[in-house]
Amino acid sequence: MTIEQAQQEVDNWIKTYGVRYFSELTNLAILTEEVGEMARIMARTYGDQSFKKSDLDKNLADEMADVLWVLMCLANQTGIDLTEAFQKNLEKKTKRDATRHLENDKLKPERE
C-alpha cells in the first residue's frame, strides 16, 4: 500500500464508519496521546523503566499504526499529500545532510 492509498483508506473509513473527522485540534491532541503511548512502550522495552501490569498487553506496532492513522487524518483534513511532502522532506535532508553525518565523529563505530 502506498502512502497515497493509505490516506485514501483512512478517508474512506472515516466517511463510512467514523461519521466525520474530529476537529484538527482534537486530532492533534489525539496524536500527542498516541505518541505518548508509543513512547511508554519504547521506554519500557528499550529504556530503563520496567513494565507495569497495565502495560504488558500493549503492542508497539499497533501504537505506531495509531500514530500513523491520526497523522493521516490530519493530513487529509489540511489538504496535505504526504507522499509529496515526504519526497520533498527527503530531498531537503539529503541536500542539507549530504556529508554532515558521515563527518560526525560521534557516529563513527567505536574502535576496539
C-alpha atoms as a PDB file:
ATOM      1  CA  MET A   1       0.000   0.000   0.000  1.00  0.00           C
ATOM      2  CA  THR A   2       1.349   3.432  -0.888  1.00  0.00           C
ATOM      3  CA  ILE A   3       1.096   6.443   1.390  1.00  0.00           C
ATOM      4  CA  GLU A   4      -1.471   7.914  -1.006  1.00  0.00           C
ATOM      5  CA  GLN A   5      -3.548   4.741  -0.852  1.00  0.00           C
ATOM      6  CA  ALA A   6      -3.306   4.694   2.946  1.00  0.00           C
ATOM      7  CA  GLN A   7      -4.522   8.296   3.134  1.00  0.00           C
ATOM      8  CA  GLN A   8      -7.457   7.339   0.908  1.00  0.00           C
ATOM      9  CA  GLU A   9      -8.235   4.271   3.044  1.00  0.00           C
ATOM     10  CA  VAL A  10      -8.302   6.453   6.164  1.00  0.00           C
ATOM     11  CA  ASP A  11     -10.613   8.925   4.427  1.00  0.00           C
ATOM     12  CA  ASN A  12     -12.925   6.127   3.260  1.00  0.00           C
ATOM     13  CA  TRP A  13     -13.022   4.614   6.754  1.00  0.00           C
ATOM     14  CA  ILE A  14     -13.820   7.962   8.371  1.00  0.00           C
ATOM     15  CA  LYS A  15     -16.641   8.611   5.896  1.00  0.00           C
ATOM     16  CA  THR A  16     -18.026   5.063   6.270  1.00  0.00           C
ATOM     17  CA  TYR A  17     -17.605   4.319   9.975  1.00  0.00           C
ATOM     18  CA  GLY A  18     -16.396   7.462  11.683  1.00  0.00           C
ATOM     19  CA  VAL A  19     -19.237   9.779  10.608  1.00  0.00           C
ATOM     20  CA  ARG A  20     -16.790  12.689  10.243  1.00  0.00           C
ATOM     21  CA  TYR A  21     -13.278  13.738  11.158  1.00  0.00           C
ATOM     22  CA  PHE A  22     -12.712  15.085  14.636  1.00  0.00           C
ATOM     23  CA  SER A  23     -11.571  18.699  14.558  1.00  0.00           C
ATOM     24  CA  GLU A  24      -7.958  19.329  13.650  1.00  0.00           C
ATOM     25  CA  LEU A  25      -7.169  20.472  17.174  1.00  0.00           C
ATOM     26  CA  THR A  26      -8.783  17.366  18.670  1.00  0.00           C
ATOM     27  CA  ASN A  27      -6.792  15.189  16.285  1.00  0.00           C
ATOM     28  CA  LEU A  28      -3.600  16.989  17.267  1.00  0.00           C
ATOM     29  CA  ALA A  29      -4.354  16.185  20.908  1.00  0.00           C
ATOM     30  CA  ILE A  30      -5.079  12.557  19.968  1.00  0.00           C
ATOM     31  CA  LEU A  31      -1.804  12.392  18.016  1.00  0.00           C
ATOM     32  CA  THR A  32       0.059  13.614  21.083  1.00  0.00           C
ATOM     33  CA  GLU A  33      -1.695  10.985  23.191  1.00  0.00           C
ATOM     34  CA  GLU A  34      -0.807   8.222  20.721  1.00  0.00           C
ATOM     35  CA  VAL A  35       2.839   9.301  20.574  1.00  0.00           C
ATOM     36  CA  GLY A  36       2.845   9.176  24.378  1.00  0.00           C
ATOM     37  CA  GLU A  37       1.516   5.619  24.335  1.00  0.00           C
ATOM     38  CA  MET A  38       4.219   4.635  21.857  1.00  0.00           C
ATOM     39  CA  ALA A  39       6.861   6.360  23.982  1.00  0.00           C
ATOM     40  CA  ARG A  40       5.685   4.468  27.059  1.00  0.00           C
ATOM     41  CA  ILE A  41       6.267   1.124  25.333  1.00  0.00           C
ATOM     42  CA  MET A  42       9.625   2.262  23.949  1.00  0.00           C
ATOM     43  CA  ALA A  43      10.786   3.448  27.380  1.00  0.00           C
ATOM     44  CA  ARG A  44       9.877   0.133  28.946  1.00  0.00           C
ATOM     45  CA  THR A  45      11.153  -2.080  26.128  1.00  0.00           C
ATOM     46  CA  TYR A  46      14.363  -0.265  25.214  1.00  0.00           C
ATOM     47  CA  GLY A  47      14.871   2.103  28.118  1.00  0.00           C
ATOM     48  CA  ASP A  48      15.418   1.722  31.816  1.00  0.00           C
ATOM     49  CA  GLN A  49      11.821   1.611  33.001  1.00  0.00           C
ATOM     50  CA  SER A  50      10.153  -1.665  33.900  1.00  0.00           C
ATOM     51  CA  PHE A  51       6.712  -2.672  32.666  1.00  0.00           C
ATOM     52  CA  LYS A  52       3.651  -2.186  34.820  1.00  0.00           C
ATOM     53  CA  LYS A  53       0.996  -4.885  34.680  1.00  0.00           C
ATOM     54  CA  SER A  54      -1.241  -2.473  32.766  1.00  0.00           C
ATOM     55  CA  ASP A  55       1.454  -2.093  30.067  1.00  0.00           C
ATOM     56  CA  LEU A  56       2.015  -5.770  29.364  1.00  0.00           C
ATOM     57  CA  ASP A  57      -0.757  -6.083  26.786  1.00  0.00           C
ATOM     58  CA  LYS A  58       0.401  -3.070  24.752  1.00  0.00           C
ATOM     59  CA  ASN A  59       1.745  -3.630  21.246  1.00  0.00           C
ATOM     60  CA  LEU A  60       4.403  -1.312  19.782  1.00  0.00           C
ATOM     61  CA  ALA A  61       3.394  -1.965  16.160  1.00  0.00           C
ATOM     62  CA  ASP A  62      -0.235  -1.173  16.954  1.00  0.00           C
ATOM     63  CA  GLU A  63       0.734   2.052  18.724  1.00  0.00           C
ATOM     64  CA  MET A  64       2.891   3.099  15.754  1.00  0.00           C
ATOM     65  CA  ALA A  65      -0.060   2.398  13.453  1.00  0.00           C
ATOM     66  CA  ASP A  66      -2.266   4.572  15.690  1.00  0.00           C
ATOM     67  CA  VAL A  67       0.233   7.433  15.307  1.00  0.00           C
ATOM     68  CA  LEU A  68       0.265   6.970  11.542  1.00  0.00           C
ATOM     69  CA  TRP A  69      -3.543   6.836  11.413  1.00  0.00           C
ATOM     70  CA  VAL A  70      -4.034  10.131  13.219  1.00  0.00           C
ATOM     71  CA  LEU A  71      -1.245  11.781  11.230  1.00  0.00           C
ATOM     72  CA  MET A  72      -3.038  10.725   8.041  1.00  0.00           C
ATOM     73  CA  CYS A  73      -6.292  12.128   9.393  1.00  0.00           C
ATOM     74  CA  LEU A  74      -4.594  15.468   9.972  1.00  0.00           C
ATOM     75  CA  ALA A  75      -3.005  15.385   6.512  1.00  0.00           C
ATOM     76  CA  ASN A  76      -6.383  14.662   4.909  1.00  0.00           C
ATOM     77  CA  GLN A  77      -8.046  17.433   6.871  1.00  0.00           C
ATOM     78  CA  THR A  78      -5.416  20.010   5.975  1.00  0.00           C
ATOM     79  CA  GLY A  79      -5.066  19.002   2.320  1.00  0.00           C
ATOM     80  CA  ILE A  80      -1.523  17.656   2.618  1.00  0.00           C
ATOM     81  CA  ASP A  81      -0.349  14.963   0.244  1.00  0.00           C
ATOM     82  CA  LEU A  82       2.005  13.020   2.498  1.00  0.00           C
ATOM     83  CA  THR A  83       3.705  11.315  -0.448  1.00  0.00           C
ATOM     84  CA  GLU A  84       4.695  14.663  -1.914  1.00  0.00           C
ATOM     85  CA  ALA A  85       5.574  16.100   1.491  1.00  0.00           C
ATOM     86  CA  PHE A  86       7.757  13.102   2.326  1.00  0.00           C
ATOM     87  CA  GLN A  87       9.559  13.228  -1.022  1.00  0.00           C
ATOM     88  CA  LYS A  88      10.312  16.941  -0.566  1.00  0.00           C
ATOM     89  CA  ASN A  89      11.440  16.316   3.010  1.00  0.00           C
ATOM     90  CA  LEU A  90      13.782  13.527   1.911  1.00  0.00           C
ATOM     91  CA  GLU A  91      15.279  15.784  -0.775  1.00  0.00           C
ATOM     92  CA  LYS A  92      15.783  18.547   1.813  1.00  0.00           C
ATOM     93  CA  LYS A  93      17.501  16.201   4.255  1.00  0.00           C
ATOM     94  CA  THR A  94      19.689  14.693   1.524  1.00  0.00           C
ATOM     95  CA  LYS A  95      20.859  18.112   0.360  1.00  0.00           C
ATOM     96  CA  ARG A  96      21.342  19.511   3.853  1.00  0.00           C
ATOM     97  CA  ASP A  97      22.967  16.448   5.388  1.00  0.00           C
ATOM     98  CA  ALA A  98      24.890  15.022   2.416  1.00  0.00           C
ATOM     99  CA  THR A  99      28.116  14.848   4.425  1.00  0.00           C
ATOM    100  CA  ARG A 100      27.093  16.008   7.890  1.00  0.00           C
ATOM    101  CA  HIS A 101      26.528  12.561   9.406  1.00  0.00           C
ATOM    102  CA  LEU A 102      29.411  10.953   7.550  1.00  0.00           C
ATOM    103  CA  GLU A 103      31.738  13.540   9.083  1.00  0.00           C
ATOM    104  CA  ASN A 104      30.305  13.252  12.596  1.00  0.00           C
ATOM    105  CA  ASP A 105      32.874  11.564  14.834  1.00  0.00           C
ATOM    106  CA  LYS A 106      30.137  10.692  17.312  1.00  0.00           C
ATOM    107  CA  LEU A 107      28.558   8.367  14.740  1.00  0.00           C
ATOM    108  CA  LYS A 108      31.716   6.501  13.768  1.00  0.00           C
ATOM    109  CA  PRO A 109      31.996   2.934  15.035  1.00  0.00           C
ATOM    110  CA  GLU A 110      33.909   2.552  18.259  1.00  0.00           C
ATOM    111  CA  ARG A 111      37.341   1.083  17.881  1.00  0.00           C
ATOM    112  CA  GLU A 112      38.091  -1.976  19.903  1.00  0.00           C
END
